[in-house]
Structures are given as C-alpha cells and as structure tokens.
Amino acid sequence: MQKIILKSVIWKEGKYYVAQCLNVDISSFGKTKKEAMVNLREALELYLEDINVSKVTKVERPEVVESPLCYA
C-alpha cells in the first residue's frame, strides 16, 4: 500500500462545509468541518482506486489569493 500526501481546503458555504482536494478535482461536503473531511477522504479513496497515483498533481505551499473582479 502506498502513502500519498494530499492538500485540501475547507470553507463554509451556506449551512454546509465544503472540502476540496487541491491535488485532484474532488470535493465533498458536510454539516461540520469534520464530516466534510471524512466525506472527502472517502471520495478520494474511491477515486484513487481507479487511477495511477503518479498522475496526481503535487501541490507545494498553496496560498489563498484574493482576485478583485469587476462585472456587469
């Protein structure tokens, strides 16, 4: 069994917490941060069963960056 380190972000959206993995395009949600992370872990385990782990993007030192945007 291989071990891989994945980076994730979590935020509150309405009444739920959303957890998203930065290495692969997988996200999940829950009523609490803990539930969102447990659900994300389960989704990631299922996803990683079917892919070659070498295709997972390595994420180094992610940052949250604000981007002001004007729109009509």
PDB file of N, CA and C in Angstrom:
ATOM      1  N   MET A   1       0.847  -1.182   0.000  1.00  0.00           N
ATOM      2  CA  MET A   1       0.000   0.000   0.000  1.00  0.00           C
ATOM      3  C   MET A   1       0.891   1.243   0.000  1.00  0.00           C
ATOM      4  N   GLN A   2       0.604   2.167  -0.909  1.00  0.00           N
ATOM      5  CA  GLN A   2       1.366   3.407  -0.997  1.00  0.00           C
ATOM      6  C   GLN A   2       0.729   4.481  -0.115  1.00  0.00           C
ATOM      7  N   LYS A   3       1.560   5.431   0.309  1.00  0.00           N
ATOM      8  CA  LYS A   3       1.061   6.574   1.069  1.00  0.00           C
ATOM      9  C   LYS A   3       1.277   7.813   0.214  1.00  0.00           C
ATOM     10  N   ILE A   4       0.271   8.661   0.172  1.00  0.00           N
ATOM     11  CA  ILE A   4       0.352   9.897  -0.602  1.00  0.00           C
ATOM     12  C   ILE A   4      -0.160  11.038   0.285  1.00  0.00           C
ATOM     13  N   ILE A   5       0.487  12.185   0.199  1.00  0.00           N
ATOM     14  CA  ILE A   5       0.072  13.360   0.971  1.00  0.00           C
ATOM     15  C   ILE A   5      -0.725  14.266   0.036  1.00  0.00           C
ATOM     16  N   LEU A   6      -1.965  14.535   0.416  1.00  0.00           N
ATOM     17  CA  LEU A   6      -2.838  15.386  -0.385  1.00  0.00           C
ATOM     18  C   LEU A   6      -3.143  16.664   0.388  1.00  0.00           C
ATOM     19  N   LYS A   7      -3.281  17.756  -0.320  1.00  0.00           N
ATOM     20  CA  LYS A   7      -3.605  19.045   0.297  1.00  0.00           C
ATOM     21  C   LYS A   7      -5.064  19.373  -0.027  1.00  0.00           C
ATOM     22  N   SER A   8      -5.772  19.852   0.981  1.00  0.00           N
ATOM     23  CA  SER A   8      -7.184  20.186   0.821  1.00  0.00           C
ATOM     24  C   SER A   8      -7.488  21.533   1.450  1.00  0.00           C
ATOM     25  N   VAL A   9      -8.572  22.138   0.993  1.00  0.00           N
ATOM     26  CA  VAL A   9      -9.078  23.373   1.598  1.00  0.00           C
ATOM     27  C   VAL A   9     -10.506  23.109   2.051  1.00  0.00           C
ATOM     28  N   ILE A  10     -10.937  23.874   3.023  1.00  0.00           N
ATOM     29  CA  ILE A  10     -12.302  23.731   3.524  1.00  0.00           C
ATOM     30  C   ILE A  10     -12.854  25.114   3.811  1.00  0.00           C
ATOM     31  N   TRP A  11     -14.124  25.318   3.480  1.00  0.00           N
ATOM     32  CA  TRP A  11     -14.768  26.594   3.732  1.00  0.00           C
ATOM     33  C   TRP A  11     -16.254  26.371   3.971  1.00  0.00           C
ATOM     34  N   LYS A  12     -16.890  27.370   4.569  1.00  0.00           N
ATOM     35  CA  LYS A  12     -18.326  27.294   4.838  1.00  0.00           C
ATOM     36  C   LYS A  12     -19.070  27.924   3.668  1.00  0.00           C
ATOM     37  N   GLU A  13     -20.063  27.204   3.178  1.00  0.00           N
ATOM     38  CA  GLU A  13     -20.896  27.679   2.072  1.00  0.00           C
ATOM     39  C   GLU A  13     -22.350  27.461   2.479  1.00  0.00           C
ATOM     40  N   GLY A  14     -23.024  28.538   2.862  1.00  0.00           N
ATOM     41  CA  GLY A  14     -24.381  28.386   3.391  1.00  0.00           C
ATOM     42  C   GLY A  14     -24.324  27.686   4.737  1.00  0.00           C
ATOM     43  N   LYS A  15     -25.093  26.619   4.885  1.00  0.00           N
ATOM     44  CA  LYS A  15     -25.083  25.894   6.160  1.00  0.00           C
ATOM     45  C   LYS A  15     -24.182  24.662   6.126  1.00  0.00           C
ATOM     46  N   TYR A  16     -23.428  24.471   5.056  1.00  0.00           N
ATOM     47  CA  TYR A  16     -22.547  23.312   4.927  1.00  0.00           C
ATOM     48  C   TYR A  16     -21.089  23.739   4.796  1.00  0.00           C
ATOM     49  N   TYR A  17     -20.199  22.817   5.130  1.00  0.00           N
ATOM     50  CA  TYR A  17     -18.773  22.996   4.890  1.00  0.00           C
ATOM     51  C   TYR A  17     -18.407  22.217   3.630  1.00  0.00           C
ATOM     52  N   VAL A  18     -17.609  22.830   2.786  1.00  0.00           N
ATOM     53  CA  VAL A  18     -17.138  22.190   1.557  1.00  0.00           C
ATOM     54  C   VAL A  18     -15.650  21.920   1.718  1.00  0.00           C
ATOM     55  N   ALA A  19     -15.247  20.704   1.401  1.00  0.00           N
ATOM     56  CA  ALA A  19     -13.830  20.321   1.441  1.00  0.00           C
ATOM     57  C   ALA A  19     -13.424  19.934   0.022  1.00  0.00           C
ATOM     58  N   GLN A  20     -12.327  20.508  -0.437  1.00  0.00           N
ATOM     59  CA  GLN A  20     -11.862  20.250  -1.800  1.00  0.00           C
ATOM     60  C   GLN A  20     -10.391  19.894  -1.795  1.00  0.00           C
ATOM     61  N   CYS A  21     -10.053  18.842  -2.503  1.00  0.00           N
ATOM     62  CA  CYS A  21      -8.659  18.435  -2.642  1.00  0.00           C
ATOM     63  C   CYS A  21      -8.018  19.267  -3.737  1.00  0.00           C
ATOM     64  N   LEU A  22      -6.839  19.796  -3.485  1.00  0.00           N
ATOM     65  CA  LEU A  22      -6.136  20.614  -4.466  1.00  0.00           C
ATOM     66  C   LEU A  22      -5.341  19.768  -5.461  1.00  0.00           C
ATOM     67  N   ASN A  23      -5.042  18.534  -5.122  1.00  0.00           N
ATOM     68  CA  ASN A  23      -4.231  17.674  -5.978  1.00  0.00           C
ATOM     69  C   ASN A  23      -5.041  17.050  -7.117  1.00  0.00           C
ATOM     70  N   VAL A  24      -6.293  16.752  -6.845  1.00  0.00           N
ATOM     71  CA  VAL A  24      -7.201  16.195  -7.851  1.00  0.00           C
ATOM     72  C   VAL A  24      -8.531  16.921  -7.724  1.00  0.00           C
ATOM     73  N   ASP A  25      -9.321  16.917  -8.754  1.00  0.00           N
ATOM     74  CA  ASP A  25     -10.571  17.675  -8.764  1.00  0.00           C
ATOM     75  C   ASP A  25     -11.682  16.882  -8.077  1.00  0.00           C
ATOM     76  N   ILE A  26     -11.569  16.750  -6.756  1.00  0.00           N
ATOM     77  CA  ILE A  26     -12.544  16.022  -5.949  1.00  0.00           C
ATOM     78  C   ILE A  26     -12.938  16.907  -4.768  1.00  0.00           C
ATOM     79  N   SER A  27     -14.235  16.971  -4.497  1.00  0.00           N
ATOM     80  CA  SER A  27     -14.699  17.718  -3.340  1.00  0.00           C
ATOM     81  C   SER A  27     -15.878  16.982  -2.716  1.00  0.00           C
ATOM     82  N   SER A  28     -16.204  17.376  -1.488  1.00  0.00           N
ATOM     83  CA  SER A  28     -17.339  16.810  -0.777  1.00  0.00           C
ATOM     84  C   SER A  28     -17.802  17.850   0.235  1.00  0.00           C
ATOM     85  N   PHE A  29     -18.842  17.516   0.992  1.00  0.00           N
ATOM     86  CA  PHE A  29     -19.366  18.483   1.956  1.00  0.00           C
ATOM     87  C   PHE A  29     -19.926  17.760   3.168  1.00  0.00           C
ATOM     88  N   GLY A  30     -20.224  18.547   4.208  1.00  0.00           N
ATOM     89  CA  GLY A  30     -20.830  18.011   5.419  1.00  0.00           C
ATOM     90  C   GLY A  30     -21.344  19.135   6.291  1.00  0.00           C
ATOM     91  N   LYS A  31     -22.088  18.769   7.310  1.00  0.00           N
ATOM     92  CA  LYS A  31     -22.649  19.769   8.227  1.00  0.00           C
ATOM     93  C   LYS A  31     -21.595  20.352   9.146  1.00  0.00           C
ATOM     94  N   THR A  32     -20.478  19.639   9.337  1.00  0.00           N
ATOM     95  CA  THR A  32     -19.365  20.126  10.148  1.00  0.00           C
ATOM     96  C   THR A  32     -18.078  19.997   9.329  1.00  0.00           C
ATOM     97  N   LYS A  33     -17.015  20.662   9.795  1.00  0.00           N
ATOM     98  CA  LYS A  33     -15.724  20.519   9.114  1.00  0.00           C
ATOM     99  C   LYS A  33     -15.275  19.067   9.131  1.00  0.00           C
ATOM    100  N   LYS A  34     -15.432  18.429  10.287  1.00  0.00           N
ATOM    101  CA  LYS A  34     -15.008  17.036  10.417  1.00  0.00           C
ATOM    102  C   LYS A  34     -15.774  16.132   9.451  1.00  0.00           C
ATOM    103  N   GLU A  35     -17.075  16.310   9.368  1.00  0.00           N
ATOM    104  CA  GLU A  35     -17.887  15.492   8.457  1.00  0.00           C
ATOM    105  C   GLU A  35     -17.480  15.736   7.003  1.00  0.00           C
ATOM    106  N   ALA A  36     -17.217  16.984   6.653  1.00  0.00           N
ATOM    107  CA  ALA A  36     -16.796  17.300   5.293  1.00  0.00           C
ATOM    108  C   ALA A  36     -15.466  16.614   4.962  1.00  0.00           C
ATOM    109  N   MET A  37     -14.533  16.616   5.912  1.00  0.00           N
ATOM    110  CA  MET A  37     -13.233  15.977   5.671  1.00  0.00           C
ATOM    111  C   MET A  37     -13.351  14.453   5.598  1.00  0.00           C
ATOM    112  N   VAL A  38     -14.201  13.870   6.438  1.00  0.00           N
ATOM    113  CA  VAL A  38     -14.422  12.418   6.380  1.00  0.00           C
ATOM    114  C   VAL A  38     -15.020  12.047   5.023  1.00  0.00           C
ATOM    115  N   ASN A  39     -15.998  12.830   4.563  1.00  0.00           N
ATOM    116  CA  ASN A  39     -16.620  12.561   3.272  1.00  0.00           C
ATOM    117  C   ASN A  39     -15.633  12.748   2.123  1.00  0.00           C
ATOM    118  N   LEU A  40     -14.767  13.761   2.230  1.00  0.00           N
ATOM    119  CA  LEU A  40     -13.752  13.971   1.199  1.00  0.00           C
ATOM    120  C   LEU A  40     -12.775  12.799   1.165  1.00  0.00           C
ATOM    121  N   ARG A  41     -12.357  12.346   2.312  1.00  0.00           N
ATOM    122  CA  ARG A  41     -11.420  11.214   2.373  1.00  0.00           C
ATOM    123  C   ARG A  41     -12.020   9.973   1.703  1.00  0.00           C
ATOM    124  N   GLU A  42     -13.284   9.713   1.983  1.00  0.00           N
ATOM    125  CA  GLU A  42     -13.959   8.570   1.366  1.00  0.00           C
ATOM    126  C   GLU A  42     -14.013   8.720  -0.158  1.00  0.00           C
ATOM    127  N   ALA A  43     -14.356   9.913  -0.621  1.00  0.00           N
ATOM    128  CA  ALA A  43     -14.415  10.163  -2.063  1.00  0.00           C
ATOM    129  C   ALA A  43     -13.033   9.999  -2.701  1.00  0.00           C
ATOM    130  N   LEU A  44     -12.000  10.479  -2.023  1.00  0.00           N
ATOM    131  CA  LEU A  44     -10.639  10.353  -2.548  1.00  0.00           C
ATOM    132  C   LEU A  44     -10.194   8.893  -2.608  1.00  0.00           C
ATOM    133  N   GLU A  45     -10.517   8.120  -1.579  1.00  0.00           N
ATOM    134  CA  GLU A  45     -10.148   6.703  -1.578  1.00  0.00           C
ATOM    135  C   GLU A  45     -10.790   5.979  -2.756  1.00  0.00           C
ATOM    136  N   LEU A  46     -12.055   6.272  -3.021  1.00  0.00           N
ATOM    137  CA  LEU A  46     -12.739   5.652  -4.162  1.00  0.00           C
ATOM    138  C   LEU A  46     -12.122   6.092  -5.480  1.00  0.00           C
ATOM    139  N   TYR A  47     -11.822   7.381  -5.603  1.00  0.00           N
ATOM    140  CA  TYR A  47     -11.220   7.911  -6.828  1.00  0.00           C
ATOM    141  C   TYR A  47      -9.850   7.293  -7.084  1.00  0.00           C
ATOM    142  N   LEU A  48      -9.032   7.212  -6.044  1.00  0.00           N
ATOM    143  CA  LEU A  48      -7.660   6.730  -6.207  1.00  0.00           C
ATOM    144  C   LEU A  48      -7.578   5.227  -6.469  1.00  0.00           C
ATOM    145  N   GLU A  49      -8.665   4.492  -6.237  1.00  0.00           N
ATOM    146  CA  GLU A  49      -8.690   3.065  -6.575  1.00  0.00           C
ATOM    147  C   GLU A  49      -8.536   2.845  -8.073  1.00  0.00           C
ATOM    148  N   ASP A  50      -9.027   3.813  -8.872  1.00  0.00           N
ATOM    149  CA  ASP A  50      -9.109   3.629 -10.321  1.00  0.00           C
ATOM    150  C   ASP A  50      -8.083   4.402 -11.142  1.00  0.00           C
ATOM    151  N   ILE A  51      -7.167   5.135 -10.499  1.00  0.00           N
ATOM    152  CA  ILE A  51      -6.188   5.884 -11.290  1.00  0.00           C
ATOM    153  C   ILE A  51      -4.766   5.524 -10.873  1.00  0.00           C
ATOM    154  N   ASN A  52      -3.845   5.868 -11.743  1.00  0.00           N
ATOM    155  CA  ASN A  52      -2.429   5.708 -11.456  1.00  0.00           C
ATOM    156  C   ASN A  52      -2.011   6.885 -10.561  1.00  0.00           C
ATOM    157  N   VAL A  53      -1.506   6.598  -9.382  1.00  0.00           N
ATOM    158  CA  VAL A  53      -1.165   7.642  -8.405  1.00  0.00           C
ATOM    159  C   VAL A  53      -0.124   8.617  -8.957  1.00  0.00           C
ATOM    160  N   SER A  54       0.677   8.199  -9.918  1.00  0.00           N
ATOM    161  CA  SER A  54       1.672   9.108 -10.493  1.00  0.00           C
ATOM    162  C   SER A  54       1.011  10.261 -11.250  1.00  0.00           C
ATOM    163  N   LYS A  55      -0.285  10.156 -11.548  1.00  0.00           N
ATOM    164  CA  LYS A  55      -0.998  11.225 -12.251  1.00  0.00           C
ATOM    165  C   LYS A  55      -1.547  12.290 -11.305  1.00  0.00           C
ATOM    166  N   VAL A  56      -1.361  12.096 -10.007  1.00  0.00           N
ATOM    167  CA  VAL A  56      -1.833  13.068  -9.021  1.00  0.00           C
ATOM    168  C   VAL A  56      -0.874  14.251  -9.005  1.00  0.00           C
ATOM    169  N   THR A  57      -1.406  15.447  -9.140  1.00  0.00           N
ATOM    170  CA  THR A  57      -0.600  16.663  -9.161  1.00  0.00           C
ATOM    171  C   THR A  57      -0.005  16.925  -7.784  1.00  0.00           C
ATOM    172  N   LYS A  58       1.285  17.227  -7.751  1.00  0.00           N
ATOM    173  CA  LYS A  58       1.942  17.578  -6.498  1.00  0.00           C
ATOM    174  C   LYS A  58       1.705  19.068  -6.234  1.00  0.00           C
ATOM    175  N   VAL A  59       1.213  19.397  -5.060  1.00  0.00           N
ATOM    176  CA  VAL A  59       0.920  20.788  -4.694  1.00  0.00           C
ATOM    177  C   VAL A  59       1.888  21.215  -3.606  1.00  0.00           C
ATOM    178  N   GLU A  60       2.647  22.261  -3.892  1.00  0.00           N
ATOM    179  CA  GLU A  60       3.619  22.799  -2.933  1.00  0.00           C
ATOM    180  C   GLU A  60       3.113  24.132  -2.399  1.00  0.00           C
ATOM    181  N   ARG A  61       3.096  24.323  -1.133  1.00  0.00           N
ATOM    182  CA  ARG A  61       2.763  25.581  -0.459  1.00  0.00           C
ATOM    183  C   ARG A  61       1.607  26.361  -1.099  1.00  0.00           C
ATOM    184  N   PRO A  62       0.388  25.849  -1.051  1.00  0.00           N
ATOM    185  CA  PRO A  62      -0.743  26.594  -1.625  1.00  0.00           C
ATOM    186  C   PRO A  62      -1.031  27.863  -0.833  1.00  0.00           C
ATOM    187  N   GLU A  63      -1.565  28.856  -1.496  1.00  0.00           N
ATOM    188  CA  GLU A  63      -1.938  30.125  -0.864  1.00  0.00           C
ATOM    189  C   GLU A  63      -3.364  30.481  -1.253  1.00  0.00           C
ATOM    190  N   VAL A  64      -4.047  31.193  -0.373  1.00  0.00           N
ATOM    191  CA  VAL A  64      -5.337  31.765  -0.712  1.00  0.00           C
ATOM    192  C   VAL A  64      -5.057  33.182  -1.197  1.00  0.00           C
ATOM    193  N   VAL A  65      -5.507  33.486  -2.401  1.00  0.00           N
ATOM    194  CA  VAL A  65      -5.225  34.777  -3.009  1.00  0.00           C
ATOM    195  C   VAL A  65      -6.544  35.422  -3.430  1.00  0.00           C
ATOM    196  N   GLU A  66      -6.744  36.676  -3.048  1.00  0.00           N
ATOM    197  CA  GLU A  66      -7.933  37.408  -3.464  1.00  0.00           C
ATOM    198  C   GLU A  66      -7.704  37.977  -4.845  1.00  0.00           C
ATOM    199  N   SER A  67      -8.749  37.921  -5.664  1.00  0.00           N
ATOM    200  CA  SER A  67      -8.683  38.467  -7.023  1.00  0.00           C
ATOM    201  C   SER A  67      -9.902  39.355  -7.256  1.00  0.00           C
ATOM    202  N   PRO A  68      -9.754  40.675  -7.095  1.00  0.00           N
ATOM    203  CA  PRO A  68     -10.879  41.558  -7.353  1.00  0.00           C
ATOM    204  C   PRO A  68     -11.323  41.449  -8.804  1.00  0.00           C
ATOM    205  N   LEU A  69     -12.612  41.463  -9.035  1.00  0.00           N
ATOM    206  CA  LEU A  69     -13.154  41.313 -10.378  1.00  0.00           C
ATOM    207  C   LEU A  69     -14.337  42.236 -10.532  1.00  0.00           C
ATOM    208  N   CYS A  70     -14.347  43.023 -11.597  1.00  0.00           N
ATOM    209  CA  CYS A  70     -15.497  43.884 -11.906  1.00  0.00           C
ATOM    210  C   CYS A  70     -16.376  43.147 -12.900  1.00  0.00           C
ATOM    211  N   TYR A  71     -17.675  43.220 -12.686  1.00  0.00           N
ATOM    212  CA  TYR A  71     -18.588  42.560 -13.611  1.00  0.00           C
ATOM    213  C   TYR A  71     -19.853  43.412 -13.754  1.00  0.00           C
ATOM    214  N   ALA A  72     -20.563  43.181 -14.824  1.00  0.00           N
ATOM    215  CA  ALA A  72     -21.767  43.980 -15.097  1.00  0.00           C
ATOM    216  C   ALA A  72     -23.012  43.298 -14.593  1.00  0.00           C
TER     217      ALA A  72
END
